[in-house]
Amino acid sequence: MSASTMFGVGPAGGPPAGEFNFLPMEKVRFGPGAVEELAAEVDRLGAERVLLVTGTTLATKTDLVDRVGGVLGDRLAAVYSDTSAHVPRATVAAAAAAARGAHADCLVSFGGSSPCDTAKLVALLLAAGVEDEGGMDALHFREVHGELEFPELPEVTMPHIAISTTLSAGEFTLWGGATDTDRGVKDAYGAPGMTPRVVILDPELSRETPPTLWGSTGLKALDHAVETVSSLKPQPFADALALRAIEMLTQNLVRGAQNQDDLVARGISQVGAWMSIMSLPNVPAGLSHALGHQLGAHCGVPHGVTSCILLPRVMDFNRPAVGPRQRLIAEAMGIDVAGLDDEAAGAAATARLREIVAELGVETRLREWNVSEEDLVAIAKVSVEDFMSVTNPRQVESEDEILGILQSVY
């Protein structure tokens, strides 16, 4: 394989060249017992009144919210526990109202991507002075004639500490998504200040995460890494992180899903998920992410599940454009690619991915997730306009192409 394929090249085949922007994240604490440092991080940030943003399951069916609250002590001003999958805009507005009512000066999200995105968007609404979900229309960005159009946003200053119990890894980005339930569309929001200042990865807190949720969100992390390596704008720094993440997740994800007490496998998977997404603001993702956004918003399919269903199929679709890059993915998965051309190596990577999904026990037909054939047309229509369809490495020519992909996994 040529050096240009492995490491990327600059203009006209020259040395690597570009720009890499780091997010305003200050610290990641990881490992068993890391949550015990939460109060110290709140104090370091100069905060005194915390709104804890979490979900109903963690709040009512485990003692983990009480454990986190105990670490916070009198710093805990209030708990908002009504976050919901795919982040309906109404819940964001309600959480922002709770933050105002508690005079919060710090947000702590606890759980998966829904509490995390909710907290990110609460910080945005507070900065923008938006008090209802209708006001969110002016804050999200949109695709216009094939280009992304970004609104002017205020500086987001509310500090956010994210404690993750899944592997979706959204806590490492500046993006947040919220669903407009009237339109059935998930809109994207983003500002540097929405990035959590501190992330805590404690595998002990993941023991209550169901195996299917752990495994499917881990596939979402693999999705981040695969689409980073396959991106139309790859970077050497990003490749190093993403390829190592693929290796770590391939070796440990199933182990951790099958044994909730295997803190070694779970801890390695958490670090792999972190590495999988660190480059996302600099290296655009593609069609698997775009379809996941809209299947979630329109039909309620969990994002980890959409990756299990669609990532292998999207890899097949993209292979003509990124065959040499898929070879790197196969090597990171531990596949012996000696004697294989790029097409065969990429196909072997996709086959291994499907094996992992099967070992996780996730159903991979859309019909099994309450998606109707009529839904496919609507999803194709909105997905072709999703900003990550625009950045897919193989150009998406039409809604019909997306519809064909959806129909193939229906």
Protein backbone atom coordinates (compact mmCIF):
# COMPACT_ATOMS: atom_id res chain seq x y z
CA MET A 1 0.00 0.00 0.00
CA SER A 2 1.34 3.42 -0.91
CA ALA A 3 2.33 6.02 1.67
CA SER A 4 -0.29 8.35 0.23
CA THR A 5 -3.04 5.84 0.97
CA MET A 6 -1.80 5.17 4.48
CA PHE A 7 -1.05 8.69 5.60
CA GLY A 8 -2.93 11.03 3.26
CA VAL A 9 -1.35 13.61 0.99
CA GLY A 10 -1.46 17.33 0.54
CA PRO A 11 -2.25 19.24 -2.63
CA ALA A 12 -0.84 17.77 -5.85
CA GLY A 13 0.43 14.67 -4.09
CA GLY A 14 2.67 16.61 -1.70
CA PRO A 15 3.20 15.99 2.01
CA PRO A 16 0.21 15.98 4.37
CA ALA A 17 -1.23 19.45 4.80
CA GLY A 18 -4.31 20.87 6.42
CA GLU A 19 -5.71 22.14 9.68
CA PHE A 20 -6.85 20.35 12.83
CA ASN A 21 -8.94 22.22 15.38
CA PHE A 22 -9.20 21.04 18.97
CA LEU A 23 -12.36 21.46 21.00
CA PRO A 24 -12.46 23.32 24.33
CA MET A 25 -12.51 20.11 26.35
CA GLU A 26 -10.21 20.31 29.32
CA LYS A 27 -10.03 16.86 30.79
CA VAL A 28 -11.09 13.22 30.54
CA ARG A 29 -11.07 11.15 33.72
CA PHE A 30 -11.28 7.42 33.02
CA GLY A 31 -11.11 4.16 34.91
CA PRO A 32 -12.90 2.48 37.83
CA GLY A 33 -13.87 4.99 40.50
CA ALA A 34 -13.37 8.02 38.25
CA VAL A 35 -16.80 9.37 39.26
CA GLU A 36 -15.47 10.06 42.74
CA GLU A 37 -13.59 13.04 41.24
CA LEU A 38 -16.83 14.71 40.09
CA ALA A 39 -17.11 17.14 43.02
CA ALA A 40 -13.49 18.19 42.61
CA GLU A 41 -14.13 18.98 38.94
CA VAL A 42 -17.22 21.06 39.79
CA ASP A 43 -15.14 23.02 42.30
CA ARG A 44 -12.31 23.46 39.81
CA LEU A 45 -14.76 24.98 37.33
CA GLY A 46 -15.84 27.48 39.98
CA ALA A 47 -19.42 26.20 40.04
CA GLU A 48 -21.72 25.87 43.04
CA ARG A 49 -25.17 24.84 41.77
CA VAL A 50 -25.43 21.77 39.53
CA LEU A 51 -28.38 20.63 37.43
CA LEU A 52 -28.03 16.87 36.99
CA VAL A 53 -29.55 15.84 33.63
CA THR A 54 -30.36 12.15 33.31
CA GLY A 55 -32.96 9.64 32.15
CA THR A 56 -35.95 8.02 33.81
CA THR A 57 -34.47 4.51 33.82
CA LEU A 58 -31.30 5.50 35.65
CA ALA A 59 -33.29 7.68 38.05
CA THR A 60 -36.01 5.16 38.93
CA LYS A 61 -34.57 1.69 38.34
CA THR A 62 -31.02 2.04 39.67
CA ASP A 63 -29.31 3.70 42.60
CA LEU A 64 -26.72 5.33 40.37
CA VAL A 65 -28.31 8.79 40.32
CA ASP A 66 -28.26 8.74 44.12
CA ARG A 67 -24.61 7.73 43.98
CA VAL A 68 -23.74 10.62 41.68
CA GLY A 69 -25.82 12.98 43.80
CA GLY A 70 -23.99 11.78 46.88
CA VAL A 71 -20.65 12.64 45.30
CA LEU A 72 -21.96 16.13 44.46
CA GLY A 73 -23.32 16.70 47.96
CA ASP A 74 -24.70 20.19 48.51
CA ARG A 75 -23.52 21.22 45.05
CA LEU A 76 -26.57 19.40 43.61
CA ALA A 77 -29.28 22.02 43.06
CA ALA A 78 -31.79 19.94 41.07
CA VAL A 79 -32.29 16.82 38.97
CA TYR A 80 -33.97 16.74 35.55
CA SER A 81 -34.70 13.08 34.75
CA ASP A 82 -37.15 13.28 31.85
CA THR A 83 -34.71 13.11 28.95
CA SER A 84 -35.95 11.00 26.07
CA ALA A 85 -34.47 9.13 23.13
CA HIS A 86 -33.77 11.29 20.07
CA VAL A 87 -34.10 14.41 22.27
CA PRO A 88 -37.52 15.91 21.52
CA ARG A 89 -37.27 19.70 21.54
CA ALA A 90 -39.91 19.94 24.27
CA THR A 91 -37.65 18.09 26.72
CA VAL A 92 -34.77 20.46 25.95
CA ALA A 93 -36.98 23.46 26.71
CA ALA A 94 -38.19 21.80 29.92
CA ALA A 95 -34.64 21.03 31.04
CA ALA A 96 -33.58 24.62 30.31
CA ALA A 97 -36.48 25.83 32.46
CA ALA A 98 -35.30 23.52 35.25
CA ALA A 99 -31.81 25.01 34.98
CA ARG A 100 -33.20 28.52 35.25
CA GLY A 101 -35.42 27.58 38.17
CA ALA A 102 -32.52 26.03 40.05
CA HIS A 103 -30.19 28.98 39.28
CA ALA A 104 -27.75 26.37 38.00
CA ASP A 105 -24.23 27.41 37.07
CA CYS A 106 -23.09 23.96 35.90
CA LEU A 107 -24.65 21.04 34.04
CA VAL A 108 -23.80 17.39 34.71
CA SER A 109 -25.23 14.89 32.22
CA PHE A 110 -25.41 11.26 33.30
CA GLY A 111 -26.30 8.40 30.97
CA GLY A 112 -26.13 7.98 27.22
CA SER A 113 -26.36 10.33 24.29
CA SER A 114 -29.84 11.62 25.14
CA PRO A 115 -28.94 13.23 28.50
CA CYS A 116 -25.68 14.47 27.02
CA ASP A 117 -27.29 16.11 23.98
CA THR A 118 -30.03 17.53 26.17
CA ALA A 119 -27.47 19.19 28.43
CA LYS A 120 -25.52 20.54 25.45
CA LEU A 121 -28.66 22.10 24.05
CA VAL A 122 -29.70 23.47 27.44
CA ALA A 123 -26.41 25.37 27.52
CA LEU A 124 -27.14 26.72 24.04
CA LEU A 125 -30.69 27.80 24.93
CA LEU A 126 -29.49 29.55 28.08
CA ALA A 127 -26.85 31.43 26.11
CA ALA A 128 -29.34 32.42 23.41
CA GLY A 129 -32.10 33.40 25.84
CA VAL A 130 -34.49 30.93 24.21
CA GLU A 131 -37.30 29.77 26.51
CA ASP A 132 -39.46 27.59 24.28
CA GLU A 133 -38.96 24.97 21.61
CA GLY A 134 -40.16 27.28 18.84
CA GLY A 135 -37.16 29.48 19.50
CA MET A 136 -34.88 26.60 18.57
CA ASP A 137 -35.74 27.06 14.88
CA ALA A 138 -33.19 29.86 14.59
CA LEU A 139 -30.38 27.88 16.23
CA HIS A 140 -29.90 24.74 14.14
CA PHE A 141 -27.96 24.55 10.91
CA ARG A 142 -29.31 23.30 7.62
CA GLU A 143 -28.33 22.20 4.15
CA VAL A 144 -29.11 24.73 1.42
CA HIS A 145 -28.38 23.85 -2.22
CA GLY A 146 -25.79 21.29 -1.22
CA GLU A 147 -23.99 23.59 1.23
CA LEU A 148 -24.21 23.79 5.02
CA GLU A 149 -25.64 27.03 6.33
CA PHE A 150 -24.66 27.91 9.90
CA PRO A 151 -26.59 30.40 12.02
CA GLU A 152 -24.88 33.06 14.08
CA LEU A 153 -24.85 31.81 17.66
CA PRO A 154 -23.96 33.42 20.98
CA GLU A 155 -20.97 32.23 22.97
CA VAL A 156 -21.99 29.22 25.05
CA THR A 157 -20.42 29.49 28.50
CA MET A 158 -22.33 27.16 30.86
CA PRO A 159 -19.84 24.43 31.93
CA HIS A 160 -20.92 20.85 31.31
CA ILE A 161 -19.48 17.68 32.82
CA ALA A 162 -20.56 14.50 31.01
CA ILE A 163 -20.65 11.10 32.72
CA SER A 164 -21.23 8.38 30.14
CA THR A 165 -22.82 4.96 30.68
CA THR A 166 -22.90 3.91 27.01
CA LEU A 167 -20.43 3.94 24.11
CA SER A 168 -22.15 6.41 21.76
CA ALA A 169 -19.35 8.95 22.52
CA GLY A 170 -21.38 12.07 21.78
CA GLU A 171 -19.87 13.63 24.90
CA PHE A 172 -16.69 14.27 22.93
CA THR A 173 -18.23 16.55 20.30
CA LEU A 174 -19.59 20.06 19.94
CA TRP A 175 -22.72 18.75 18.22
CA GLY A 176 -26.14 18.08 19.63
CA GLY A 177 -29.27 16.81 17.93
CA ALA A 178 -32.90 17.50 18.78
CA THR A 179 -36.04 16.20 17.13
CA ASP A 180 -38.78 18.47 15.89
CA THR A 181 -41.67 16.07 16.47
CA ASP A 182 -44.04 18.10 14.29
CA ARG A 183 -41.76 17.69 11.26
CA GLY A 184 -40.41 14.28 12.25
CA VAL A 185 -36.88 15.53 11.60
CA LYS A 186 -33.80 15.59 13.80
CA ASP A 187 -31.97 18.89 13.47
CA ALA A 188 -28.30 19.42 14.24
CA TYR A 189 -26.91 22.17 16.45
CA GLY A 190 -23.30 22.97 17.12
CA ALA A 191 -21.05 25.50 18.85
CA PRO A 192 -17.62 25.04 20.41
CA GLY A 193 -18.92 25.98 23.86
CA MET A 194 -21.43 23.11 23.74
CA THR A 195 -18.53 20.68 24.15
CA PRO A 196 -18.44 19.24 27.68
CA ARG A 197 -15.50 20.69 29.60
CA VAL A 198 -14.91 17.41 31.44
CA VAL A 199 -15.83 13.81 30.58
CA ILE A 200 -15.88 10.98 33.11
CA LEU A 201 -15.64 7.37 31.89
CA ASP A 202 -16.13 5.00 34.81
CA PRO A 203 -16.74 1.36 33.80
CA GLU A 204 -18.22 0.64 37.24
CA LEU A 205 -21.18 2.86 36.33
CA SER A 206 -21.77 0.86 33.17
CA ARG A 207 -22.75 -2.36 34.97
CA GLU A 208 -26.42 -1.36 34.83
CA THR A 209 -26.26 -0.69 31.09
CA PRO A 210 -28.10 -3.55 29.35
CA PRO A 211 -25.93 -5.76 27.11
CA THR A 212 -27.83 -4.87 23.93
CA LEU A 213 -27.55 -1.15 24.63
CA TRP A 214 -23.85 -1.48 25.44
CA GLY A 215 -23.20 -3.51 22.31
CA SER A 216 -25.25 -1.40 19.91
CA THR A 217 -23.78 1.89 21.12
CA GLY A 218 -20.36 0.26 20.73
CA LEU A 219 -21.27 -0.38 17.11
CA LYS A 220 -22.07 3.31 16.90
CA ALA A 221 -18.52 3.99 18.10
CA LEU A 222 -17.21 1.64 15.41
CA ASP A 223 -19.35 3.63 12.97
CA HIS A 224 -17.58 6.83 14.06
CA ALA A 225 -14.18 5.22 13.52
CA VAL A 226 -15.02 3.55 10.19
CA GLU A 227 -16.50 6.72 8.71
CA THR A 228 -13.50 8.72 9.98
CA VAL A 229 -11.07 6.43 8.13
CA SER A 230 -13.37 6.39 5.07
CA SER A 231 -13.93 10.14 5.04
CA LEU A 232 -13.55 12.21 1.90
CA LYS A 233 -11.21 14.41 3.97
CA PRO A 234 -9.06 11.99 6.02
CA GLN A 235 -6.23 13.20 8.24
CA PRO A 236 -3.21 11.28 9.57
CA PHE A 237 -3.89 12.21 13.21
CA ALA A 238 -7.51 11.12 12.84
CA ASP A 239 -6.52 7.86 11.15
CA ALA A 240 -4.23 6.93 14.05
CA LEU A 241 -6.98 7.40 16.61
CA ALA A 242 -9.73 5.79 14.55
CA LEU A 243 -7.74 2.72 13.47
CA ARG A 244 -6.64 2.04 17.04
CA ALA A 245 -10.26 2.49 18.16
CA ILE A 246 -11.37 -0.10 15.58
CA GLU A 247 -8.80 -2.55 16.95
CA MET A 248 -9.81 -1.97 20.58
CA LEU A 249 -13.53 -2.21 19.92
CA THR A 250 -13.25 -5.25 17.64
CA GLN A 251 -11.39 -7.13 20.38
CA ASN A 252 -13.40 -6.01 23.41
CA LEU A 253 -16.92 -4.95 22.49
CA VAL A 254 -18.55 -8.38 22.45
CA ARG A 255 -16.71 -9.43 25.62
CA GLY A 256 -17.98 -6.40 27.48
CA ALA A 257 -21.52 -6.85 26.19
CA GLN A 258 -21.66 -10.48 27.23
CA ASN A 259 -20.21 -9.87 30.71
CA GLN A 260 -21.28 -6.68 32.48
CA ASP A 261 -18.66 -7.30 35.19
CA ASP A 262 -15.75 -7.46 32.75
CA LEU A 263 -14.47 -4.00 33.62
CA VAL A 264 -11.31 -4.53 31.58
CA ALA A 265 -13.26 -5.06 28.35
CA ARG A 266 -15.72 -2.32 29.25
CA GLY A 267 -12.99 0.13 30.18
CA ILE A 268 -11.04 -0.53 26.98
CA SER A 269 -14.25 -0.11 24.98
CA GLN A 270 -14.89 3.23 26.67
CA VAL A 271 -11.45 4.48 25.68
CA GLY A 272 -11.94 3.09 22.17
CA ALA A 273 -15.24 4.97 21.86
CA TRP A 274 -13.48 8.15 23.01
CA MET A 275 -10.78 7.72 20.37
CA SER A 276 -13.33 6.87 17.68
CA ILE A 277 -14.92 10.31 17.64
CA MET A 278 -12.22 12.75 18.71
CA SER A 279 -11.61 13.91 15.14
CA LEU A 280 -15.22 14.40 14.06
CA PRO A 281 -15.18 18.22 13.89
CA ASN A 282 -12.23 17.99 11.51
CA VAL A 283 -13.00 14.85 9.52
CA PRO A 284 -16.59 14.66 8.24
CA ALA A 285 -18.68 11.51 8.64
CA GLY A 286 -21.00 10.11 6.01
CA LEU A 287 -24.15 8.32 5.03
CA SER A 288 -24.43 5.84 7.89
CA HIS A 289 -24.58 8.74 10.33
CA ALA A 290 -27.03 10.65 8.15
CA LEU A 291 -29.43 7.71 7.91
CA GLY A 292 -29.13 7.10 11.63
CA HIS A 293 -30.14 10.67 12.40
CA GLN A 294 -33.32 10.48 10.37
CA LEU A 295 -34.36 6.91 11.20
CA GLY A 296 -34.15 7.91 14.83
CA ALA A 297 -36.17 11.08 14.40
CA HIS A 298 -38.81 9.60 12.07
CA CYS A 299 -39.23 6.09 13.47
CA GLY A 300 -37.57 6.08 16.88
CA VAL A 301 -34.89 3.53 15.97
CA PRO A 302 -31.99 3.83 18.46
CA HIS A 303 -28.83 5.24 16.92
CA GLY A 304 -26.73 2.27 17.93
CA VAL A 305 -29.21 -0.01 16.20
CA THR A 306 -29.15 2.06 13.02
CA SER A 307 -25.37 1.59 12.92
CA CYS A 308 -25.75 -2.17 13.34
CA ILE A 309 -28.18 -2.26 10.43
CA LEU A 310 -26.72 0.31 8.08
CA LEU A 311 -22.97 0.59 8.55
CA PRO A 312 -22.16 -2.68 6.71
CA ARG A 313 -24.51 -1.74 3.88
CA VAL A 314 -23.06 1.78 3.60
CA MET A 315 -19.55 0.31 3.54
CA ASP A 316 -20.62 -1.78 0.54
CA PHE A 317 -22.05 1.32 -1.12
CA ASN A 318 -18.91 3.39 -0.49
CA ARG A 319 -16.34 0.73 -1.43
CA PRO A 320 -15.82 1.91 -5.04
CA ALA A 321 -14.76 5.31 -3.69
CA VAL A 322 -12.70 4.24 -0.66
CA GLY A 323 -11.41 0.72 -1.33
CA PRO A 324 -7.84 1.39 -0.13
CA ARG A 325 -9.14 2.99 3.05
CA GLN A 326 -11.35 -0.02 3.77
CA ARG A 327 -8.22 -2.14 3.48
CA LEU A 328 -6.82 -0.19 6.47
CA ILE A 329 -10.03 -0.92 8.37
CA ALA A 330 -9.69 -4.65 7.66
CA GLU A 331 -6.10 -4.63 8.93
CA ALA A 332 -7.20 -2.82 12.13
CA MET A 333 -9.81 -5.54 12.66
CA GLY A 334 -7.03 -8.13 12.64
CA ILE A 335 -7.90 -9.55 9.21
CA ASP A 336 -5.04 -11.03 7.20
CA VAL A 337 -5.27 -9.08 3.95
CA ALA A 338 -2.15 -10.55 2.34
CA GLY A 339 -3.02 -11.59 -1.19
CA LEU A 340 -6.32 -9.69 -1.18
CA ASP A 341 -6.99 -6.76 -3.45
CA ASP A 342 -8.67 -3.68 -1.99
CA GLU A 343 -12.14 -4.84 -3.02
CA ALA A 344 -11.73 -8.19 -1.28
CA ALA A 345 -10.12 -6.64 1.80
CA GLY A 346 -12.99 -4.18 2.16
CA ALA A 347 -15.53 -6.97 1.74
CA ALA A 348 -13.74 -8.94 4.47
CA ALA A 349 -13.98 -5.94 6.81
CA THR A 350 -17.70 -5.67 6.15
CA ALA A 351 -18.16 -9.41 6.75
CA ARG A 352 -16.33 -9.14 10.10
CA LEU A 353 -18.55 -6.23 11.06
CA ARG A 354 -21.64 -8.30 10.33
CA GLU A 355 -20.22 -11.12 12.49
CA ILE A 356 -19.80 -8.71 15.41
CA VAL A 357 -23.39 -7.48 15.03
CA ALA A 358 -24.61 -11.10 15.01
CA GLU A 359 -22.61 -11.87 18.16
CA LEU A 360 -24.24 -8.86 19.83
CA GLY A 361 -27.66 -10.27 18.99
CA VAL A 362 -29.06 -7.12 17.38
CA GLU A 363 -31.88 -7.59 14.86
CA THR A 364 -30.73 -6.14 11.54
CA ARG A 365 -33.93 -5.74 9.52
CA LEU A 366 -35.70 -2.39 9.69
CA ARG A 367 -39.08 -4.08 9.71
CA GLU A 368 -38.22 -5.51 13.13
CA TRP A 369 -37.86 -1.95 14.52
CA ASN A 370 -41.36 -0.72 13.64
CA VAL A 371 -40.30 0.85 10.35
CA SER A 372 -42.89 0.57 7.58
CA GLU A 373 -42.26 0.48 3.85
CA GLU A 374 -44.01 3.85 3.61
CA ASP A 375 -41.51 5.28 6.10
CA LEU A 376 -38.61 4.46 3.79
CA VAL A 377 -39.63 7.04 1.20
CA ALA A 378 -39.93 9.81 3.79
CA ILE A 379 -36.61 8.86 5.39
CA ALA A 380 -34.85 8.88 2.02
CA LYS A 381 -36.22 12.34 1.28
CA VAL A 382 -34.93 13.93 4.49
CA SER A 383 -31.71 11.90 4.60
CA VAL A 384 -30.50 13.16 1.24
CA GLU A 385 -30.59 16.66 2.78
CA ASP A 386 -28.81 15.64 5.99
CA PHE A 387 -25.47 17.41 6.30
CA MET A 388 -23.63 14.08 6.64
CA SER A 389 -25.06 12.84 3.34
CA VAL A 390 -23.42 15.86 1.75
CA THR A 391 -20.04 14.77 3.18
CA ASN A 392 -20.31 11.07 2.28
CA PRO A 393 -17.14 9.88 0.48
CA ARG A 394 -19.16 8.53 -2.44
CA GLN A 395 -21.45 11.22 -3.79
CA VAL A 396 -25.11 10.53 -3.16
CA GLU A 397 -26.80 11.19 -6.48
CA SER A 398 -30.46 10.95 -5.54
CA GLU A 399 -33.12 9.95 -3.06
CA ASP A 400 -33.50 6.74 -5.04
CA GLU A 401 -29.98 5.65 -4.12
CA ILE A 402 -30.75 6.09 -0.44
CA LEU A 403 -34.11 4.40 -0.85
CA GLY A 404 -32.35 1.40 -2.41
CA ILE A 405 -30.03 1.11 0.59
CA LEU A 406 -32.97 1.28 3.00
CA GLN A 407 -34.97 -1.27 1.02
CA SER A 408 -32.01 -3.67 1.02
CA VAL A 409 -32.09 -3.84 4.84
CA TYR A 410 -35.85 -3.68 5.22
